[in-house]
């Protein structure tokens, strides 16, 4: 899955999270859920980007640059 695809997949979740956080009472259950969602999405991005680094490192080891 590309970064663009990942962003498109998460757009609705991010929009909902933003609305819940911005337009609800401070400390409400909706805000706590929005923060938990943000934490989860950041964890997903960490896993995704870590896998991309490993994939690119593997590709570089197959075809080392001539620099």
N, C-alpha and C. Protein backbone atom coordinates (compact mmCIF):
# COMPACT_ATOMS: atom_id res chain seq x y z
N UNK A 1 0.85 -1.17 0.00
CA UNK A 1 0.00 0.00 0.00
C UNK A 1 0.90 1.24 0.00
N UNK A 2 0.59 2.19 -0.87
CA UNK A 2 1.39 3.40 -0.96
C UNK A 2 0.99 4.39 0.14
N UNK A 3 1.83 5.39 0.34
CA UNK A 3 1.52 6.43 1.32
C UNK A 3 0.23 7.15 0.92
N UNK A 4 0.07 7.41 -0.36
CA UNK A 4 -1.14 8.07 -0.84
C UNK A 4 -2.39 7.23 -0.53
N UNK A 5 -2.32 5.95 -0.78
CA UNK A 5 -3.44 5.06 -0.49
C UNK A 5 -3.74 5.04 1.01
N UNK A 6 -2.70 5.01 1.81
CA UNK A 6 -2.88 5.00 3.27
C UNK A 6 -3.57 6.29 3.73
N UNK A 7 -3.16 7.42 3.17
CA UNK A 7 -3.77 8.71 3.53
C UNK A 7 -5.25 8.74 3.15
N UNK A 8 -5.55 8.28 1.95
CA UNK A 8 -6.95 8.26 1.50
C UNK A 8 -7.80 7.34 2.37
N UNK A 9 -7.22 6.22 2.77
CA UNK A 9 -7.93 5.26 3.60
C UNK A 9 -8.28 5.87 4.95
N UNK A 10 -7.42 6.71 5.48
CA UNK A 10 -7.61 7.25 6.82
C UNK A 10 -8.27 8.63 6.85
N UNK A 11 -8.58 9.19 5.69
CA UNK A 11 -9.13 10.55 5.64
C UNK A 11 -10.44 10.68 6.42
N UNK A 12 -11.38 9.79 6.23
CA UNK A 12 -12.66 9.88 6.93
C UNK A 12 -12.49 9.74 8.44
N UNK A 13 -11.60 8.86 8.84
CA UNK A 13 -11.33 8.68 10.27
C UNK A 13 -10.76 9.96 10.85
N UNK A 14 -9.82 10.57 10.14
CA UNK A 14 -9.19 11.80 10.61
C UNK A 14 -10.21 12.93 10.68
N UNK A 15 -11.07 13.04 9.69
CA UNK A 15 -12.10 14.08 9.70
C UNK A 15 -13.03 13.92 10.90
N UNK A 16 -13.46 12.70 11.14
CA UNK A 16 -14.34 12.43 12.27
C UNK A 16 -13.64 12.73 13.59
N UNK A 17 -12.39 12.32 13.69
CA UNK A 17 -11.61 12.54 14.90
C UNK A 17 -11.48 14.05 15.17
N UNK A 18 -11.19 14.82 14.13
CA UNK A 18 -11.06 16.28 14.26
C UNK A 18 -12.35 16.89 14.76
N UNK A 19 -13.47 16.52 14.16
CA UNK A 19 -14.76 17.08 14.55
C UNK A 19 -15.09 16.71 16.00
N UNK A 20 -14.85 15.47 16.38
CA UNK A 20 -15.11 15.05 17.76
C UNK A 20 -14.26 15.84 18.74
N UNK A 21 -13.02 16.08 18.38
CA UNK A 21 -12.13 16.77 19.31
C UNK A 21 -12.47 18.26 19.38
N UNK A 22 -12.69 18.89 18.24
CA UNK A 22 -12.89 20.34 18.22
C UNK A 22 -14.24 20.78 18.77
N UNK A 23 -15.26 20.03 18.50
CA UNK A 23 -16.62 20.50 18.80
C UNK A 23 -17.29 19.80 19.97
N UNK A 24 -16.52 19.21 20.85
CA UNK A 24 -17.10 18.61 22.05
C UNK A 24 -16.46 19.22 23.28
N UNK A 25 -17.08 19.00 24.39
CA UNK A 25 -16.63 19.54 25.67
C UNK A 25 -15.23 19.01 26.01
N UNK A 26 -14.35 19.88 26.52
CA UNK A 26 -13.01 19.42 26.92
C UNK A 26 -13.10 18.26 27.93
N UNK A 27 -12.34 17.23 27.66
CA UNK A 27 -12.32 16.07 28.54
C UNK A 27 -13.47 15.10 28.33
N UNK A 28 -14.30 15.34 27.33
CA UNK A 28 -15.45 14.47 27.09
C UNK A 28 -14.99 13.11 26.56
N UNK A 29 -15.90 12.18 26.59
CA UNK A 29 -15.61 10.84 26.07
C UNK A 29 -15.22 10.90 24.59
N UNK A 30 -15.86 11.82 23.86
CA UNK A 30 -15.55 11.97 22.43
C UNK A 30 -14.11 12.44 22.23
N UNK A 31 -13.68 13.38 23.06
CA UNK A 31 -12.30 13.87 22.94
C UNK A 31 -11.30 12.78 23.31
N UNK A 32 -11.60 12.04 24.35
CA UNK A 32 -10.70 10.94 24.75
C UNK A 32 -10.63 9.91 23.64
N UNK A 33 -11.77 9.59 23.04
CA UNK A 33 -11.78 8.63 21.92
C UNK A 33 -10.98 9.17 20.74
N UNK A 34 -11.10 10.48 20.46
CA UNK A 34 -10.34 11.09 19.37
C UNK A 34 -8.84 10.98 19.64
N UNK A 35 -8.41 11.23 20.86
CA UNK A 35 -6.99 11.11 21.19
C UNK A 35 -6.50 9.67 21.11
N UNK A 36 -7.34 8.74 21.53
CA UNK A 36 -6.97 7.32 21.41
C UNK A 36 -6.86 6.92 19.94
N UNK A 37 -7.75 7.44 19.12
CA UNK A 37 -7.69 7.17 17.69
C UNK A 37 -6.42 7.75 17.09
N UNK A 38 -6.09 8.98 17.47
CA UNK A 38 -4.85 9.60 16.99
C UNK A 38 -3.64 8.76 17.37
N UNK A 39 -3.60 8.31 18.60
CA UNK A 39 -2.50 7.47 19.05
C UNK A 39 -2.41 6.19 18.23
N UNK A 40 -3.55 5.58 17.97
CA UNK A 40 -3.58 4.35 17.17
C UNK A 40 -3.09 4.60 15.74
N UNK A 41 -3.57 5.70 15.12
CA UNK A 41 -3.16 6.01 13.75
C UNK A 41 -1.66 6.31 13.67
N UNK A 42 -1.14 7.01 14.65
CA UNK A 42 0.31 7.28 14.67
C UNK A 42 1.10 5.98 14.81
N UNK A 43 0.59 5.06 15.61
CA UNK A 43 1.25 3.76 15.73
C UNK A 43 1.23 3.00 14.41
N UNK A 44 0.09 3.08 13.71
CA UNK A 44 0.00 2.43 12.40
C UNK A 44 1.02 3.03 11.43
N UNK A 45 1.16 4.37 11.43
CA UNK A 45 2.13 5.02 10.55
C UNK A 45 3.55 4.62 10.92
N UNK A 46 3.83 4.49 12.21
CA UNK A 46 5.15 4.05 12.63
C UNK A 46 5.46 2.66 12.07
N UNK A 47 4.51 1.75 12.18
CA UNK A 47 4.70 0.40 11.64
C UNK A 47 4.88 0.44 10.12
N UNK A 48 4.03 1.22 9.46
CA UNK A 48 4.07 1.31 7.99
C UNK A 48 5.41 1.87 7.52
N UNK A 49 5.86 2.97 8.13
CA UNK A 49 7.11 3.59 7.69
C UNK A 49 8.32 2.73 8.06
N UNK A 50 8.25 2.04 9.19
CA UNK A 50 9.32 1.11 9.54
C UNK A 50 9.45 -0.01 8.52
N UNK A 51 8.31 -0.52 8.06
CA UNK A 51 8.33 -1.57 7.02
C UNK A 51 8.89 -1.02 5.71
N UNK A 52 8.57 0.25 5.39
CA UNK A 52 9.11 0.87 4.17
C UNK A 52 10.64 1.00 4.26
N UNK A 53 11.14 1.36 5.41
CA UNK A 53 12.59 1.48 5.59
C UNK A 53 13.25 0.11 5.39
N UNK A 54 12.68 -0.91 6.00
CA UNK A 54 13.24 -2.26 5.84
C UNK A 54 13.19 -2.71 4.38
N UNK A 55 12.08 -2.41 3.70
CA UNK A 55 11.94 -2.78 2.29
C UNK A 55 12.99 -2.08 1.43
N UNK A 56 13.18 -0.79 1.66
CA UNK A 56 14.15 -0.03 0.88
C UNK A 56 15.59 -0.48 1.19
N UNK A 57 15.86 -0.79 2.44
CA UNK A 57 17.19 -1.30 2.79
C UNK A 57 17.46 -2.62 2.09
N UNK A 58 16.43 -3.48 2.02
CA UNK A 58 16.59 -4.76 1.33
C UNK A 58 16.83 -4.54 -0.16
N UNK A 59 16.11 -3.60 -0.75
CA UNK A 59 16.30 -3.30 -2.18
C UNK A 59 17.70 -2.75 -2.43
N UNK A 60 18.18 -1.90 -1.55
CA UNK A 60 19.52 -1.34 -1.71
C UNK A 60 20.61 -2.41 -1.58
N UNK A 61 20.36 -3.39 -0.74
CA UNK A 61 21.37 -4.44 -0.56
C UNK A 61 21.47 -5.33 -1.80
N UNK A 62 20.39 -5.43 -2.56
CA UNK A 62 20.40 -6.21 -3.79
C UNK A 62 21.11 -5.46 -4.90
N UNK A 63 20.84 -4.17 -5.00
CA UNK A 63 21.41 -3.33 -6.05
C UNK A 63 22.15 -2.16 -5.41
N UNK A 64 23.36 -2.41 -4.91
CA UNK A 64 24.09 -1.30 -4.26
C UNK A 64 24.42 -0.20 -5.26
N UNK A 65 24.41 1.04 -4.78
CA UNK A 65 24.72 2.18 -5.65
C UNK A 65 26.22 2.20 -5.95
N UNK A 66 26.60 2.88 -7.04
CA UNK A 66 28.00 2.95 -7.45
C UNK A 66 28.58 4.31 -7.11
N UNK A 67 28.15 4.89 -6.00
CA UNK A 67 28.64 6.22 -5.60
C UNK A 67 29.95 6.16 -4.87
